[in-house]
Protein backbone atom coordinates (compact mmCIF):
# COMPACT_ATOMS: atom_id res chain seq x y z
CA MET A 1 -3.58 9.75 12.36
CA LEU A 2 -0.74 12.41 12.83
CA VAL A 3 -2.03 14.00 9.57
CA ILE A 4 -5.44 14.38 10.63
CA VAL A 5 -4.29 15.75 14.17
CA PHE A 6 -2.06 18.10 12.74
CA GLY A 7 -4.29 18.92 9.88
CA ALA A 8 -7.06 19.74 12.38
CA LEU A 9 -5.10 21.79 14.46
CA THR A 10 -3.85 23.71 11.89
CA LEU A 11 -7.46 24.49 10.72
CA LEU A 12 -9.10 24.95 14.42
CA LEU A 13 -6.28 27.43 15.75
CA GLN A 14 -5.75 28.73 11.96
CA ASP A 15 -2.06 28.13 12.68
CA GLU A 16 0.03 27.05 9.85
CA ARG A 17 3.04 26.06 12.12
CA PHE A 18 1.38 22.88 12.82
CA ILE A 19 1.25 21.43 9.44
CA LYS A 20 4.69 22.71 8.91
CA TRP A 21 5.93 20.76 11.98
CA LYS A 22 4.07 17.39 11.40
CA PRO A 23 6.99 16.19 9.12
CA THR A 24 9.42 16.70 11.95
CA VAL A 25 7.54 15.00 14.41
CA LEU A 26 6.91 12.12 12.05
CA TYR A 27 10.41 11.79 11.26
CA THR A 28 11.45 11.86 14.61
CA SER A 29 8.95 9.22 15.82
CA MET A 30 9.88 6.93 13.22
CA ALA A 31 13.69 7.24 14.00
CA ILE A 32 12.86 6.45 17.66
CA VAL A 33 10.65 3.41 16.94
CA LEU A 34 13.47 1.93 14.85
CA GLY A 35 16.14 2.65 17.52
CA ALA A 36 14.20 1.49 20.23
CA ALA A 37 12.85 -1.62 18.29
CA LEU A 38 16.83 -2.43 17.44
CA TRP A 39 18.67 -1.22 20.33
CA ILE A 40 16.17 -1.73 23.29
CA TRP A 41 13.83 -4.80 22.25
CA LYS A 42 16.42 -6.17 19.68
CA LYS A 43 14.15 -6.34 16.97
CA ASN A 44 14.65 -5.19 13.41
CA PHE A 45 11.72 -3.88 11.96
CA LEU A 46 13.28 -3.40 8.53
CA GLN A 47 14.38 -7.41 8.53
CA MET A 48 10.84 -8.02 9.67
CA LEU A 49 8.92 -5.95 6.96
CA LEU A 50 11.63 -6.83 4.21
CA GLY A 51 12.95 -10.24 5.15
CA THR A 52 10.86 -12.50 3.16
CA GLN A 53 11.83 -10.27 0.11
CA LEU A 54 15.67 -9.53 0.51
CA THR A 55 18.04 -12.11 1.84
CA LEU A 56 20.73 -10.13 3.42
CA PRO A 57 23.21 -10.85 6.40
CA GLU A 58 22.09 -9.92 9.75
CA GLN A 59 24.72 -7.31 10.06
CA VAL A 60 23.55 -5.85 6.88
CA TRP A 61 20.09 -5.43 8.32
CA ASN A 62 21.46 -3.87 11.25
CA ARG A 63 23.50 -1.32 9.26
CA LEU A 64 20.37 -0.37 7.16
CA THR A 65 18.56 0.29 10.11
CA VAL A 66 20.81 2.57 11.35
CA ILE A 67 21.10 4.25 8.07
CA TRP A 68 17.25 4.85 7.96
CA ILE A 69 17.63 6.41 11.77
CA GLY A 70 19.98 8.68 10.42
CA TYR A 71 18.04 9.49 7.30
CA PHE A 72 14.70 10.24 9.34
CA LEU A 73 16.79 12.43 11.56
CA PHE A 74 18.38 14.12 8.84
CA MET A 75 14.94 14.57 7.38
CA ALA A 76 13.40 15.85 10.83
CA ALA A 77 16.22 18.29 11.58
CA ILE A 78 15.97 19.83 7.91
CA ASN A 79 12.33 20.10 7.71
CA ALA A 80 12.36 21.62 11.43
CA TYR A 81 15.13 24.21 9.96
CA VAL A 82 13.00 25.27 7.10
CA ALA A 83 10.07 25.07 9.13
CA ALA A 84 11.40 27.64 11.97
CA TYR A 85 13.33 30.08 9.70
CA TYR A 86 11.42 30.48 6.39
CA SER A 87 8.17 31.63 5.48
CA THR A 88 5.49 28.77 4.76
CA GLU A 89 5.58 29.75 0.96
CA ALA A 90 9.36 28.59 1.02
CA TRP A 91 8.66 25.80 3.24
CA VAL A 92 6.04 24.52 0.76
CA ASN A 93 8.78 24.91 -2.18
CA PHE A 94 11.06 23.06 0.03
CA LYS A 95 8.71 20.20 0.59
CA LEU A 96 8.01 20.11 -3.17
CA TRP A 97 11.76 20.31 -4.18
CA GLY A 98 12.64 18.15 -1.07
CA TYR A 99 11.59 14.95 -2.83
CA ALA A 100 14.89 14.70 -4.16
CA PHE A 101 16.12 13.49 -0.77
CA PRO A 102 14.28 10.40 -0.45
CA VAL A 103 15.16 9.50 -4.29
CA ILE A 104 18.73 10.09 -3.76
CA PHE A 105 18.53 7.97 -0.66
CA ILE A 106 16.70 5.10 -1.96
CA VAL A 107 19.04 4.83 -4.82
CA GLY A 108 22.26 4.97 -2.76
CA GLN A 109 20.68 2.29 -0.58
CA GLY A 110 20.07 0.06 -3.72
CA PHE A 111 23.56 0.65 -4.35
CA TYR A 112 24.58 -0.50 -0.87
CA ILE A 113 22.49 -3.61 -0.76
CA SER A 114 23.02 -4.74 -4.35
CA ARG A 115 26.38 -6.16 -3.30
CA TYR A 116 24.87 -8.43 -0.94
CA LEU A 117 22.04 -9.53 -2.84
CA LYS A 118 22.49 -13.04 -4.73
CA ASP A 119 22.29 -13.57 -8.34
CA ASP A 120 19.49 -16.20 -8.77
CA ASP A 121 19.98 -16.14 -12.82
CA SER A 122 23.80 -17.03 -12.61
CA GLU A 123 23.00 -19.72 -9.84
CA ALA A 124 20.17 -21.13 -11.91
CA SER A 125 22.35 -21.33 -14.90
CA LYS A 126 25.36 -23.31 -13.58
CA PRO A 127 25.45 -26.91 -14.11
């Protein structure tokens, strides 16, 4: 929905700023939702979404959520900076090469949670 609204505003008003600021709004919104769920409603959305796939201690789920909130805020801030101070062409190049951020983040997250995962193969082979 956010893509449609910001895309339509960009086309209707012939103003590229809307499309450049959409990621900032999206990342900030996601950080707010995760934070509100964790600290106000005492729900962990990451655990609710991935808990059937990953068995992790409660504190790890909470830490992961805080890490995701930080990631979303970082991505919102860096997008806002590039959108505000650079040309649209530079912003597009940033978005193209900026895909390194999520890859690095997800690989780092994988290393973090790997130490908490149980090795099912070694458990199954024990007598």
